[in-house]
Amino acid sequence: MLLLLFGFTLVVQLKANDGDSTLLTARQEDLVRILSDLESQEQRLQQEVTALEDSKQSLSSGAEGAEAALREATERADDLGVLAGELPARGTGLVIRINGGQDQVESDALLNAVQELRGAGAEAMQIEGGDGTAVRVVASTSFQDSPAGQGGDRFGVVVDGKRLTSTYTITVIGDPKTMDTALRIPGGVIESITDDGGNVTVQEQGVVDVSAIHDVTTLRYARPVS
C-alpha cells in the first residue's frame, strides 16, 4: 500500500510539474539532486514495508507472539512519543540557521522550511530563536508573524504561542542528504530566503539532539474509532 501511495504521489507530482518552468530551466546537477531525493523516498518506503512484514511475521509466531507483541507495543509507544513531541530524540540530521538580516524572515519562510523537511522524511524537529527559546515542531505547530513593537522592539515569529527572534535555528533528525537536497531545490527554501535578503547555513551532523518537549494537548472533540 505504501508503494502504491508513493507511485500515485509521484505520478501526480510529475503531471503537476509538466508545465513547471522552474524544472524545465533547472540545471542538470539540480535535476540530479531532485531525482536522488525521489529515489531516497522510495528506498525509505521499501524499508518500511520490509519492517512491517517482519513485524507481522513475529507477531503471529505462536507462543512467542505475546512477548513479541509486548516488545512491539513498547517500541511503538516510544516512536509515537517522539512523533508527538512528548519525548526527546537523538539521531543523525541537520542544524539549519536562518538569519533575516535587514529583510526579516517571516513566518511563511519558516513554515516552508518545516514542510520541506517533513516531506524529505524528518522524524523529529525543533526551532530555536536567538534568545535560546526552543519549540518542538509537531503536526499542530502554528506559525505567525510578530511585528516589531509587539512584545518587544524586534521583529519575530510566534511559534505555538512563543515569540522567537532571529537568528532561527532548526534542529532536525532524519537522513541528512535527502533533507539537504530538499532545501536546495531550485525555487525552494534556501533560494527563496536568500533572494529576500536572508542567509541560510546548513550543517550535517552525525548526532543531533531534539530536546524541546511539546506540552500534551487535551483533546476536546476527537475520539479514537473503536
N, C-alpha and C. Protein backbone atom coordinates (compact mmCIF):
# COMPACT_ATOMS: atom_id res chain seq x y z
N MET A 1 0.82 -1.20 0.00
CA MET A 1 0.00 0.00 0.00
C MET A 1 0.87 1.27 0.00
N LEU A 2 1.97 1.21 0.77
CA LEU A 2 2.87 2.36 0.79
C LEU A 2 3.48 2.62 -0.58
N LEU A 3 3.88 1.53 -1.27
CA LEU A 3 4.47 1.68 -2.60
C LEU A 3 3.46 2.23 -3.60
N LEU A 4 2.21 1.74 -3.49
CA LEU A 4 1.16 2.26 -4.38
C LEU A 4 0.94 3.74 -4.13
N LEU A 5 0.91 4.14 -2.83
CA LEU A 5 0.73 5.54 -2.49
C LEU A 5 1.89 6.38 -3.02
N PHE A 6 3.11 5.85 -2.88
CA PHE A 6 4.27 6.59 -3.39
C PHE A 6 4.19 6.75 -4.90
N GLY A 7 3.80 5.64 -5.60
CA GLY A 7 3.69 5.71 -7.05
C GLY A 7 2.64 6.70 -7.50
N PHE A 8 1.49 6.70 -6.81
CA PHE A 8 0.43 7.65 -7.15
C PHE A 8 0.90 9.08 -6.94
N THR A 9 1.57 9.33 -5.80
CA THR A 9 2.06 10.68 -5.49
C THR A 9 3.08 11.12 -6.52
N LEU A 10 3.96 10.19 -6.93
CA LEU A 10 4.98 10.52 -7.92
C LEU A 10 4.35 10.90 -9.25
N VAL A 11 3.33 10.12 -9.69
CA VAL A 11 2.67 10.41 -10.97
C VAL A 11 2.00 11.78 -10.91
N VAL A 12 1.29 12.05 -9.80
CA VAL A 12 0.62 13.34 -9.66
C VAL A 12 1.63 14.48 -9.69
N GLN A 13 2.76 14.27 -8.99
CA GLN A 13 3.78 15.32 -8.95
C GLN A 13 4.38 15.57 -10.32
N LEU A 14 4.63 14.48 -11.05
CA LEU A 14 5.21 14.63 -12.39
C LEU A 14 4.25 15.34 -13.32
N LYS A 15 2.96 15.00 -13.23
CA LYS A 15 1.97 15.67 -14.06
C LYS A 15 1.89 17.15 -13.71
N ALA A 16 1.95 17.43 -12.40
CA ALA A 16 1.87 18.83 -11.97
C ALA A 16 3.08 19.62 -12.42
N ASN A 17 4.20 18.91 -12.59
CA ASN A 17 5.44 19.59 -12.98
C ASN A 17 5.62 19.71 -14.49
N ASP A 18 4.64 19.14 -15.27
CA ASP A 18 4.77 19.19 -16.72
C ASP A 18 4.93 20.62 -17.21
N GLY A 19 4.18 21.52 -16.57
CA GLY A 19 4.24 22.91 -17.01
C GLY A 19 5.08 23.77 -16.11
N ASP A 20 5.91 23.16 -15.25
CA ASP A 20 6.72 23.90 -14.30
C ASP A 20 7.96 24.42 -14.98
N SER A 21 7.99 25.72 -15.23
CA SER A 21 9.13 26.30 -15.93
C SER A 21 10.40 26.21 -15.11
N THR A 22 10.26 26.12 -13.77
CA THR A 22 11.45 26.03 -12.91
C THR A 22 12.22 24.76 -13.21
N LEU A 23 11.50 23.63 -13.32
CA LEU A 23 12.17 22.37 -13.61
C LEU A 23 12.69 22.33 -15.04
N LEU A 24 11.93 22.93 -15.95
CA LEU A 24 12.34 22.90 -17.35
C LEU A 24 13.64 23.66 -17.56
N THR A 25 13.86 24.68 -16.74
CA THR A 25 15.06 25.51 -16.90
C THR A 25 16.12 25.18 -15.87
N ALA A 26 15.89 24.14 -15.03
CA ALA A 26 16.84 23.80 -13.97
C ALA A 26 18.13 23.23 -14.57
N ARG A 27 19.20 23.43 -13.84
CA ARG A 27 20.49 22.89 -14.27
C ARG A 27 20.50 21.38 -14.10
N GLN A 28 21.42 20.72 -14.80
CA GLN A 28 21.50 19.26 -14.75
C GLN A 28 21.78 18.76 -13.34
N GLU A 29 22.69 19.45 -12.61
CA GLU A 29 23.00 18.99 -11.26
C GLU A 29 21.82 19.13 -10.31
N ASP A 30 20.94 20.15 -10.56
CA ASP A 30 19.74 20.31 -9.74
C ASP A 30 18.75 19.18 -10.01
N LEU A 31 18.61 18.82 -11.29
CA LEU A 31 17.71 17.71 -11.64
C LEU A 31 18.22 16.40 -11.06
N VAL A 32 19.54 16.22 -11.04
CA VAL A 32 20.11 15.01 -10.44
C VAL A 32 19.79 14.94 -8.96
N ARG A 33 19.87 16.10 -8.26
CA ARG A 33 19.55 16.12 -6.83
C ARG A 33 18.08 15.79 -6.59
N ILE A 34 17.20 16.31 -7.45
CA ILE A 34 15.77 16.02 -7.31
C ILE A 34 15.50 14.54 -7.51
N LEU A 35 16.13 13.94 -8.53
CA LEU A 35 15.96 12.52 -8.78
C LEU A 35 16.48 11.70 -7.61
N SER A 36 17.63 12.11 -7.05
CA SER A 36 18.19 11.42 -5.91
C SER A 36 17.25 11.48 -4.71
N ASP A 37 16.57 12.62 -4.53
CA ASP A 37 15.62 12.77 -3.44
C ASP A 37 14.46 11.81 -3.60
N LEU A 38 13.92 11.69 -4.81
CA LEU A 38 12.82 10.76 -5.07
C LEU A 38 13.24 9.31 -4.85
N GLU A 39 14.45 8.97 -5.27
CA GLU A 39 14.95 7.61 -5.07
C GLU A 39 15.12 7.31 -3.58
N SER A 40 15.55 8.30 -2.81
CA SER A 40 15.71 8.11 -1.36
C SER A 40 14.36 7.88 -0.70
N GLN A 41 13.33 8.62 -1.16
CA GLN A 41 11.99 8.41 -0.62
C GLN A 41 11.50 7.00 -0.91
N GLU A 42 11.74 6.52 -2.13
CA GLU A 42 11.34 5.16 -2.49
C GLU A 42 12.04 4.14 -1.61
N GLN A 43 13.34 4.36 -1.37
CA GLN A 43 14.11 3.43 -0.54
C GLN A 43 13.56 3.39 0.89
N ARG A 44 13.20 4.57 1.44
CA ARG A 44 12.64 4.60 2.79
C ARG A 44 11.33 3.83 2.85
N LEU A 45 10.49 3.97 1.82
CA LEU A 45 9.22 3.24 1.81
C LEU A 45 9.44 1.74 1.70
N GLN A 46 10.43 1.33 0.90
CA GLN A 46 10.75 -0.09 0.79
C GLN A 46 11.18 -0.64 2.14
N GLN A 47 12.01 0.11 2.85
CA GLN A 47 12.47 -0.33 4.16
C GLN A 47 11.33 -0.42 5.15
N GLU A 48 10.38 0.52 5.07
CA GLU A 48 9.24 0.48 5.97
C GLU A 48 8.35 -0.72 5.68
N VAL A 49 8.15 -1.04 4.40
CA VAL A 49 7.37 -2.23 4.03
C VAL A 49 8.02 -3.49 4.59
N THR A 50 9.34 -3.60 4.44
CA THR A 50 10.06 -4.77 4.95
C THR A 50 9.91 -4.88 6.46
N ALA A 51 10.04 -3.74 7.16
CA ALA A 51 9.92 -3.76 8.62
C ALA A 51 8.53 -4.18 9.06
N LEU A 52 7.50 -3.72 8.36
CA LEU A 52 6.13 -4.09 8.70
C LEU A 52 5.87 -5.58 8.44
N GLU A 53 6.44 -6.11 7.36
CA GLU A 53 6.28 -7.53 7.08
C GLU A 53 6.97 -8.38 8.15
N ASP A 54 8.17 -7.97 8.58
CA ASP A 54 8.88 -8.69 9.64
C ASP A 54 8.09 -8.64 10.94
N SER A 55 7.51 -7.47 11.25
CA SER A 55 6.72 -7.32 12.46
C SER A 55 5.49 -8.23 12.44
N LYS A 56 4.83 -8.29 11.29
CA LYS A 56 3.64 -9.15 11.17
C LYS A 56 4.01 -10.61 11.39
N GLN A 57 5.15 -11.04 10.84
CA GLN A 57 5.57 -12.43 10.99
C GLN A 57 5.89 -12.76 12.44
N SER A 58 6.57 -11.85 13.15
CA SER A 58 6.94 -12.12 14.54
C SER A 58 5.72 -12.14 15.45
N LEU A 59 4.72 -11.30 15.16
CA LEU A 59 3.53 -11.26 16.00
C LEU A 59 2.64 -12.49 15.83
N SER A 60 2.80 -13.20 14.73
CA SER A 60 1.96 -14.37 14.50
C SER A 60 2.74 -15.68 14.68
N SER A 61 3.81 -15.65 15.48
CA SER A 61 4.67 -16.83 15.62
C SER A 61 4.35 -17.65 16.86
N GLY A 62 3.11 -17.97 17.05
CA GLY A 62 2.70 -18.91 18.09
C GLY A 62 2.95 -18.42 19.50
N ALA A 63 3.65 -19.25 20.31
CA ALA A 63 3.85 -18.98 21.73
C ALA A 63 4.63 -17.70 21.97
N GLU A 64 5.47 -17.33 21.04
CA GLU A 64 6.28 -16.13 21.23
C GLU A 64 5.53 -14.87 20.80
N GLY A 65 4.30 -15.06 20.33
CA GLY A 65 3.55 -13.92 19.83
C GLY A 65 3.26 -12.87 20.88
N ALA A 66 2.89 -13.29 22.11
CA ALA A 66 2.56 -12.33 23.17
C ALA A 66 3.76 -11.49 23.56
N GLU A 67 4.92 -12.15 23.69
CA GLU A 67 6.14 -11.42 24.05
C GLU A 67 6.54 -10.46 22.94
N ALA A 68 6.42 -10.93 21.71
CA ALA A 68 6.74 -10.06 20.57
C ALA A 68 5.78 -8.88 20.51
N ALA A 69 4.51 -9.14 20.83
CA ALA A 69 3.52 -8.06 20.81
C ALA A 69 3.84 -7.00 21.85
N LEU A 70 4.32 -7.44 23.03
CA LEU A 70 4.68 -6.50 24.09
C LEU A 70 5.87 -5.64 23.65
N ARG A 71 6.87 -6.28 23.05
CA ARG A 71 8.03 -5.52 22.57
C ARG A 71 7.60 -4.52 21.50
N GLU A 72 6.73 -5.00 20.61
CA GLU A 72 6.25 -4.14 19.53
C GLU A 72 5.49 -2.94 20.09
N ALA A 73 4.65 -3.18 21.09
CA ALA A 73 3.86 -2.10 21.68
C ALA A 73 4.77 -1.08 22.36
N THR A 74 5.81 -1.56 23.04
CA THR A 74 6.75 -0.65 23.71
C THR A 74 7.49 0.22 22.69
N GLU A 75 7.96 -0.43 21.61
CA GLU A 75 8.66 0.32 20.58
C GLU A 75 7.75 1.34 19.92
N ARG A 76 6.51 0.93 19.66
CA ARG A 76 5.56 1.85 19.02
C ARG A 76 5.25 3.03 19.95
N ALA A 77 5.14 2.75 21.26
CA ALA A 77 4.87 3.83 22.22
C ALA A 77 6.00 4.85 22.21
N ASP A 78 7.25 4.37 22.14
CA ASP A 78 8.39 5.28 22.08
C ASP A 78 8.38 6.08 20.78
N ASP A 79 8.09 5.38 19.67
CA ASP A 79 8.04 6.07 18.38
C ASP A 79 6.97 7.16 18.37
N LEU A 80 5.80 6.82 18.89
CA LEU A 80 4.70 7.79 18.91
C LEU A 80 5.03 8.95 19.85
N GLY A 81 5.75 8.65 20.94
CA GLY A 81 6.16 9.71 21.87
C GLY A 81 7.08 10.70 21.20
N VAL A 82 7.98 10.20 20.35
CA VAL A 82 8.89 11.09 19.61
C VAL A 82 8.10 11.89 18.58
N LEU A 83 7.22 11.23 17.82
CA LEU A 83 6.44 11.91 16.79
C LEU A 83 5.51 12.97 17.39
N ALA A 84 4.97 12.68 18.58
CA ALA A 84 4.07 13.63 19.23
C ALA A 84 4.82 14.73 19.96
N GLY A 85 6.15 14.61 20.01
CA GLY A 85 6.95 15.63 20.68
C GLY A 85 6.98 15.50 22.19
N GLU A 86 6.54 14.37 22.73
CA GLU A 86 6.49 14.18 24.17
C GLU A 86 7.76 13.56 24.72
N LEU A 87 8.66 13.10 23.84
CA LEU A 87 9.93 12.51 24.26
C LEU A 87 11.06 13.19 23.50
N PRO A 88 12.23 13.39 24.16
CA PRO A 88 13.39 13.91 23.43
C PRO A 88 13.89 12.85 22.45
N ALA A 89 14.63 13.28 21.45
CA ALA A 89 15.12 12.35 20.43
C ALA A 89 16.56 12.69 20.07
N ARG A 90 17.27 11.68 19.58
CA ARG A 90 18.67 11.85 19.16
C ARG A 90 18.90 11.02 17.91
N GLY A 91 19.67 11.57 16.98
CA GLY A 91 19.98 10.83 15.75
C GLY A 91 20.74 11.70 14.76
N THR A 92 21.02 11.14 13.60
CA THR A 92 21.69 11.91 12.55
C THR A 92 20.74 12.97 12.00
N GLY A 93 21.28 14.06 11.53
CA GLY A 93 20.40 15.09 10.99
C GLY A 93 21.14 16.34 10.58
N LEU A 94 20.40 17.45 10.62
CA LEU A 94 20.92 18.75 10.18
C LEU A 94 20.69 19.81 11.25
N VAL A 95 21.57 20.81 11.25
CA VAL A 95 21.36 22.03 12.02
C VAL A 95 21.31 23.17 11.00
N ILE A 96 20.16 23.83 10.90
CA ILE A 96 19.92 24.86 9.88
C ILE A 96 19.76 26.20 10.58
N ARG A 97 20.56 27.18 10.20
CA ARG A 97 20.47 28.52 10.79
C ARG A 97 19.98 29.51 9.74
N ILE A 98 18.94 30.24 10.09
CA ILE A 98 18.30 31.18 9.17
C ILE A 98 18.36 32.57 9.79
N ASN A 99 19.05 33.47 9.10
CA ASN A 99 19.18 34.85 9.58
C ASN A 99 18.51 35.79 8.60
N GLY A 100 17.66 36.67 9.12
CA GLY A 100 16.91 37.56 8.24
C GLY A 100 17.70 38.74 7.74
N GLY A 101 18.75 39.12 8.44
CA GLY A 101 19.49 40.30 8.02
C GLY A 101 18.61 41.53 8.06
N GLN A 102 18.76 42.41 7.07
CA GLN A 102 17.97 43.64 7.03
C GLN A 102 16.51 43.34 6.67
N ASP A 103 16.30 42.39 5.74
CA ASP A 103 14.94 42.00 5.37
C ASP A 103 14.56 40.79 6.21
N GLN A 104 13.69 40.99 7.17
CA GLN A 104 13.41 39.96 8.16
C GLN A 104 12.74 38.73 7.56
N VAL A 105 13.08 37.57 8.10
CA VAL A 105 12.45 36.32 7.69
C VAL A 105 11.07 36.24 8.32
N GLU A 106 10.06 35.99 7.51
CA GLU A 106 8.70 35.94 8.02
C GLU A 106 8.28 34.51 8.32
N SER A 107 7.10 34.38 8.91
CA SER A 107 6.64 33.08 9.37
C SER A 107 6.48 32.08 8.23
N ASP A 108 6.05 32.56 7.04
CA ASP A 108 5.82 31.62 5.94
C ASP A 108 7.13 30.97 5.48
N ALA A 109 8.26 31.69 5.62
CA ALA A 109 9.55 31.11 5.23
C ALA A 109 9.92 29.96 6.16
N LEU A 110 9.68 30.15 7.47
CA LEU A 110 9.98 29.08 8.43
C LEU A 110 9.03 27.90 8.23
N LEU A 111 7.76 28.20 7.97
CA LEU A 111 6.79 27.12 7.73
C LEU A 111 7.17 26.32 6.48
N ASN A 112 7.60 27.02 5.42
CA ASN A 112 8.02 26.32 4.20
C ASN A 112 9.21 25.40 4.47
N ALA A 113 10.14 25.88 5.30
CA ALA A 113 11.30 25.05 5.65
C ALA A 113 10.86 23.79 6.39
N VAL A 114 9.95 23.96 7.34
CA VAL A 114 9.45 22.81 8.10
C VAL A 114 8.74 21.82 7.19
N GLN A 115 7.92 22.32 6.26
CA GLN A 115 7.18 21.45 5.35
C GLN A 115 8.12 20.69 4.42
N GLU A 116 9.15 21.37 3.91
CA GLU A 116 10.12 20.69 3.04
C GLU A 116 10.85 19.59 3.80
N LEU A 117 11.22 19.86 5.04
CA LEU A 117 11.92 18.86 5.85
C LEU A 117 11.01 17.68 6.15
N ARG A 118 9.75 17.95 6.44
CA ARG A 118 8.80 16.85 6.68
C ARG A 118 8.66 15.99 5.43
N GLY A 119 8.54 16.66 4.27
CA GLY A 119 8.41 15.92 3.02
C GLY A 119 9.64 15.10 2.70
N ALA A 120 10.79 15.50 3.24
CA ALA A 120 12.04 14.76 3.00
C ALA A 120 12.31 13.71 4.07
N GLY A 121 11.33 13.45 4.93
CA GLY A 121 11.47 12.35 5.89
C GLY A 121 11.93 12.73 7.27
N ALA A 122 11.83 14.01 7.65
CA ALA A 122 12.23 14.42 9.00
C ALA A 122 11.40 13.67 10.04
N GLU A 123 12.05 13.18 11.10
CA GLU A 123 11.37 12.39 12.11
C GLU A 123 11.16 13.15 13.42
N ALA A 124 12.00 14.14 13.70
CA ALA A 124 11.85 14.97 14.90
C ALA A 124 12.50 16.30 14.60
N MET A 125 11.91 17.39 15.15
CA MET A 125 12.38 18.71 14.78
C MET A 125 12.06 19.71 15.89
N GLN A 126 12.96 20.68 16.07
CA GLN A 126 12.68 21.80 16.94
C GLN A 126 13.23 23.07 16.30
N ILE A 127 12.63 24.21 16.68
CA ILE A 127 13.11 25.50 16.18
C ILE A 127 13.41 26.38 17.37
N GLU A 128 14.57 27.04 17.31
CA GLU A 128 15.05 27.84 18.44
C GLU A 128 15.31 29.27 17.97
N GLY A 129 14.93 30.23 18.81
CA GLY A 129 15.16 31.63 18.50
C GLY A 129 16.52 32.10 18.98
N GLY A 130 16.83 33.36 18.66
CA GLY A 130 18.12 33.90 19.02
C GLY A 130 18.37 33.99 20.51
N ASP A 131 17.28 34.04 21.32
CA ASP A 131 17.45 34.13 22.77
C ASP A 131 17.49 32.76 23.44
N GLY A 132 17.48 31.68 22.63
CA GLY A 132 17.56 30.34 23.19
C GLY A 132 16.23 29.66 23.43
N THR A 133 15.11 30.37 23.22
CA THR A 133 13.79 29.76 23.38
C THR A 133 13.56 28.73 22.27
N ALA A 134 13.24 27.50 22.65
CA ALA A 134 13.08 26.42 21.67
C ALA A 134 11.66 25.87 21.72
N VAL A 135 11.13 25.51 20.54
CA VAL A 135 9.78 24.95 20.42
C VAL A 135 9.86 23.65 19.63
N ARG A 136 9.26 22.60 20.15
CA ARG A 136 9.20 21.33 19.42
C ARG A 136 8.17 21.45 18.31
N VAL A 137 8.54 21.01 17.12
CA VAL A 137 7.63 21.09 15.97
C VAL A 137 6.88 19.77 15.85
N VAL A 138 5.55 19.84 15.92
CA VAL A 138 4.69 18.67 15.77
C VAL A 138 3.63 19.00 14.72
N ALA A 139 2.70 18.07 14.53
CA ALA A 139 1.69 18.25 13.48
C ALA A 139 0.85 19.50 13.68
N SER A 140 0.60 19.89 14.92
CA SER A 140 -0.29 21.02 15.20
C SER A 140 0.44 22.35 15.36
N THR A 141 1.76 22.36 15.18
CA THR A 141 2.53 23.59 15.39
C THR A 141 2.07 24.70 14.45
N SER A 142 1.89 25.90 15.01
CA SER A 142 1.43 27.04 14.22
C SER A 142 2.52 28.11 14.14
N PHE A 143 2.50 28.89 13.04
CA PHE A 143 3.46 29.97 12.82
C PHE A 143 2.70 31.24 12.45
N GLN A 144 3.07 32.37 13.06
CA GLN A 144 2.51 33.64 12.66
C GLN A 144 3.52 34.75 12.94
N ASP A 145 3.42 35.83 12.17
CA ASP A 145 4.35 36.94 12.32
C ASP A 145 4.05 37.74 13.59
N SER A 146 5.13 38.26 14.18
CA SER A 146 5.02 39.16 15.32
C SER A 146 5.75 40.44 14.95
N PRO A 147 5.03 41.50 14.55
CA PRO A 147 5.68 42.71 14.06
C PRO A 147 6.54 43.37 15.13
N ALA A 148 7.49 44.19 14.68
CA ALA A 148 8.32 44.95 15.61
C ALA A 148 7.43 45.85 16.45
N GLY A 149 7.75 45.93 17.73
CA GLY A 149 6.96 46.76 18.64
C GLY A 149 5.90 45.96 19.37
N GLN A 150 5.63 44.72 18.93
CA GLN A 150 4.64 43.88 19.61
C GLN A 150 5.39 42.86 20.47
N GLY A 151 5.36 43.06 21.78
CA GLY A 151 6.08 42.16 22.68
C GLY A 151 7.56 42.46 22.70
N GLY A 152 7.98 43.63 22.20
CA GLY A 152 9.40 43.96 22.16
C GLY A 152 9.66 44.88 20.98
N ASP A 153 10.90 45.25 20.80
CA ASP A 153 11.20 46.20 19.73
C ASP A 153 11.83 45.51 18.53
N ARG A 154 11.76 44.18 18.46
CA ARG A 154 12.34 43.46 17.32
C ARG A 154 11.26 42.64 16.64
N PHE A 155 11.43 42.49 15.34
CA PHE A 155 10.54 41.64 14.56
C PHE A 155 10.73 40.19 15.01
N GLY A 156 9.70 39.38 14.93
CA GLY A 156 9.84 37.99 15.33
C GLY A 156 8.75 37.13 14.73
N VAL A 157 8.77 35.86 15.08
CA VAL A 157 7.78 34.90 14.64
C VAL A 157 7.24 34.18 15.88
N VAL A 158 5.92 34.09 15.98
CA VAL A 158 5.29 33.39 17.09
C VAL A 158 5.06 31.94 16.68
N VAL A 159 5.71 31.01 17.39
CA VAL A 159 5.60 29.58 17.09
C VAL A 159 4.93 28.92 18.29
N ASP A 160 3.73 28.39 18.08
CA ASP A 160 2.95 27.79 19.16
C ASP A 160 2.86 28.69 20.38
N GLY A 161 2.63 29.97 20.13
CA GLY A 161 2.44 30.92 21.21
C GLY A 161 3.71 31.49 21.81
N LYS A 162 4.88 31.02 21.39
CA LYS A 162 6.15 31.53 21.90
C LYS A 162 6.81 32.42 20.85
N ARG A 163 7.22 33.61 21.27
CA ARG A 163 7.80 34.57 20.33
C ARG A 163 9.29 34.30 20.17
N LEU A 164 9.71 34.03 18.94
CA LEU A 164 11.11 33.78 18.62
C LEU A 164 11.63 34.90 17.74
N THR A 165 12.91 35.21 17.88
CA THR A 165 13.54 36.22 17.03
C THR A 165 14.79 35.62 16.40
N SER A 166 15.24 36.27 15.32
CA SER A 166 16.40 35.80 14.57
C SER A 166 17.65 35.90 15.46
N THR A 167 18.62 35.03 15.29
CA THR A 167 18.74 34.00 14.25
C THR A 167 17.93 32.76 14.65
N TYR A 168 17.22 32.14 13.66
CA TYR A 168 16.43 30.94 13.91
C TYR A 168 17.27 29.70 13.62
N THR A 169 17.24 28.75 14.54
CA THR A 169 17.99 27.50 14.36
C THR A 169 17.02 26.33 14.36
N ILE A 170 16.98 25.61 13.25
CA ILE A 170 16.14 24.41 13.15
C ILE A 170 17.05 23.19 13.30
N THR A 171 16.78 22.38 14.31
CA THR A 171 17.50 21.13 14.53
C THR A 171 16.57 20.00 14.14
N VAL A 172 17.00 19.17 13.21
CA VAL A 172 16.10 18.16 12.65
C VAL A 172 16.81 16.82 12.53
N ILE A 173 16.10 15.74 12.85
CA ILE A 173 16.62 14.38 12.76
C ILE A 173 16.01 13.70 11.53
N GLY A 174 16.86 13.08 10.74
CA GLY A 174 16.43 12.39 9.53
C GLY A 174 17.64 12.12 8.67
N ASP A 175 17.41 11.71 7.43
CA ASP A 175 18.51 11.46 6.51
C ASP A 175 19.07 12.80 6.04
N PRO A 176 20.32 13.13 6.41
CA PRO A 176 20.86 14.46 6.10
C PRO A 176 20.90 14.77 4.61
N LYS A 177 21.31 13.81 3.80
CA LYS A 177 21.46 14.05 2.36
C LYS A 177 20.12 14.39 1.72
N THR A 178 19.09 13.61 2.07
CA THR A 178 17.77 13.83 1.49
C THR A 178 17.20 15.18 1.89
N MET A 179 17.33 15.53 3.18
CA MET A 179 16.78 16.80 3.65
C MET A 179 17.55 17.98 3.06
N ASP A 180 18.87 17.85 2.96
CA ASP A 180 19.67 18.92 2.38
C ASP A 180 19.28 19.15 0.92
N THR A 181 19.06 18.06 0.19
CA THR A 181 18.64 18.17 -1.21
C THR A 181 17.30 18.89 -1.33
N ALA A 182 16.37 18.55 -0.44
CA ALA A 182 15.04 19.16 -0.48
C ALA A 182 15.12 20.67 -0.26
N LEU A 183 16.01 21.11 0.62
CA LEU A 183 16.13 22.53 0.91
C LEU A 183 16.75 23.30 -0.25
N ARG A 184 17.56 22.60 -1.07
CA ARG A 184 18.30 23.28 -2.14
C ARG A 184 17.64 23.17 -3.51
N ILE A 185 16.44 22.60 -3.59
CA ILE A 185 15.73 22.51 -4.87
C ILE A 185 15.53 23.92 -5.44
N PRO A 186 15.75 24.12 -6.74
CA PRO A 186 15.57 25.45 -7.35
C PRO A 186 14.20 26.04 -7.03
N GLY A 187 14.19 27.28 -6.56
CA GLY A 187 12.94 27.92 -6.19
C GLY A 187 12.45 27.53 -4.82
N GLY A 188 13.24 26.72 -4.09
CA GLY A 188 12.84 26.21 -2.78
C GLY A 188 13.22 27.13 -1.64
N VAL A 189 13.37 26.51 -0.47
CA VAL A 189 13.53 27.26 0.78
C VAL A 189 14.75 28.16 0.77
N ILE A 190 15.93 27.59 0.51
CA ILE A 190 17.16 28.38 0.60
C ILE A 190 17.18 29.49 -0.43
N GLU A 191 16.79 29.17 -1.67
CA GLU A 191 16.79 30.19 -2.72
C GLU A 191 15.82 31.32 -2.40
N SER A 192 14.64 30.97 -1.88
CA SER A 192 13.63 31.99 -1.57
C SER A 192 14.11 32.93 -0.46
N ILE A 193 14.72 32.36 0.57
CA ILE A 193 15.18 33.19 1.69
C ILE A 193 16.33 34.08 1.28
N THR A 194 17.28 33.54 0.53
CA THR A 194 18.43 34.35 0.11
C THR A 194 18.00 35.43 -0.88
N ASP A 195 17.01 35.13 -1.73
CA ASP A 195 16.50 36.14 -2.66
C ASP A 195 15.86 37.31 -1.92
N ASP A 196 15.33 37.03 -0.72
CA ASP A 196 14.69 38.09 0.08
C ASP A 196 15.69 38.80 1.00
N GLY A 197 16.97 38.50 0.84
CA GLY A 197 17.99 39.18 1.63
C GLY A 197 18.44 38.43 2.86
N GLY A 198 17.93 37.22 3.08
CA GLY A 198 18.32 36.44 4.25
C GLY A 198 19.54 35.57 3.97
N ASN A 199 19.93 34.82 4.98
CA ASN A 199 21.09 33.95 4.88
C ASN A 199 20.77 32.62 5.54
N VAL A 200 21.14 31.53 4.87
CA VAL A 200 20.86 30.18 5.39
C VAL A 200 22.15 29.37 5.39
N THR A 201 22.46 28.73 6.51
CA THR A 201 23.58 27.79 6.58
C THR A 201 23.04 26.44 7.01
N VAL A 202 23.54 25.38 6.38
CA VAL A 202 23.09 24.02 6.67
C VAL A 202 24.32 23.19 7.05
N GLN A 203 24.28 22.58 8.23
CA GLN A 203 25.38 21.74 8.69
C GLN A 203 24.88 20.32 8.93
N GLU A 204 25.55 19.36 8.30
CA GLU A 204 25.23 17.95 8.53
C GLU A 204 25.91 17.49 9.81
N GLN A 205 25.16 16.79 10.67
CA GLN A 205 25.69 16.35 11.96
C GLN A 205 25.50 14.84 12.10
N GLY A 206 26.52 14.18 12.63
CA GLY A 206 26.39 12.75 12.89
C GLY A 206 25.40 12.46 14.00
N VAL A 207 25.35 13.35 15.00
CA VAL A 207 24.39 13.21 16.11
C VAL A 207 23.84 14.59 16.45
N VAL A 208 22.53 14.72 16.45
CA VAL A 208 21.88 15.94 16.92
C VAL A 208 20.85 15.57 17.98
N ASP A 209 20.59 16.50 18.87
CA ASP A 209 19.61 16.29 19.93
C ASP A 209 18.43 17.23 19.74
N VAL A 210 17.24 16.65 19.71
CA VAL A 210 16.00 17.42 19.72
C VAL A 210 15.43 17.27 21.12
N SER A 211 15.67 18.27 21.95
CA SER A 211 15.37 18.13 23.37
C SER A 211 14.11 18.86 23.83
N ALA A 212 13.62 19.82 23.02
CA ALA A 212 12.40 20.54 23.40
C ALA A 212 11.22 19.57 23.44
N ILE A 213 10.34 19.77 24.42
CA ILE A 213 9.18 18.88 24.60
C ILE A 213 7.90 19.67 24.34
N HIS A 214 6.99 19.05 23.62
CA HIS A 214 5.69 19.65 23.33
C HIS A 214 4.72 19.31 24.46
N ASP A 215 4.04 20.33 24.98
CA ASP A 215 3.06 20.09 26.04
C ASP A 215 1.93 19.21 25.53
N VAL A 216 1.52 18.27 26.37
CA VAL A 216 0.45 17.35 25.99
C VAL A 216 -0.86 18.12 25.82
N THR A 217 -1.51 17.90 24.69
CA THR A 217 -2.77 18.58 24.40
C THR A 217 -3.95 17.69 24.78
N THR A 218 -4.88 18.24 25.54
CA THR A 218 -6.09 17.50 25.90
C THR A 218 -7.11 17.67 24.78
N LEU A 219 -7.50 16.56 24.18
CA LEU A 219 -8.44 16.61 23.06
C LEU A 219 -9.85 16.94 23.55
N ARG A 220 -10.50 17.86 22.85
CA ARG A 220 -11.86 18.24 23.19
C ARG A 220 -12.90 17.57 22.30
N TYR A 221 -12.52 17.30 21.06
CA TYR A 221 -13.51 16.82 20.10
C TYR A 221 -13.16 15.45 19.52
N ALA A 222 -11.89 15.21 19.25
CA ALA A 222 -11.50 13.96 18.58
C ALA A 222 -11.54 12.78 19.55
N ARG A 223 -12.02 11.66 19.06
CA ARG A 223 -12.07 10.42 19.84
C ARG A 223 -11.61 9.27 18.92
N PRO A 224 -10.88 8.29 19.48
CA PRO A 224 -10.47 7.15 18.64
C PRO A 224 -11.68 6.35 18.19
N VAL A 225 -11.58 5.80 17.01
CA VAL A 225 -12.66 4.97 16.46
C VAL A 225 -12.48 3.55 16.96
N SER A 226 -13.47 3.02 17.64
CA SER A 226 -13.36 1.67 18.21
C SER A 226 -13.86 0.64 17.20
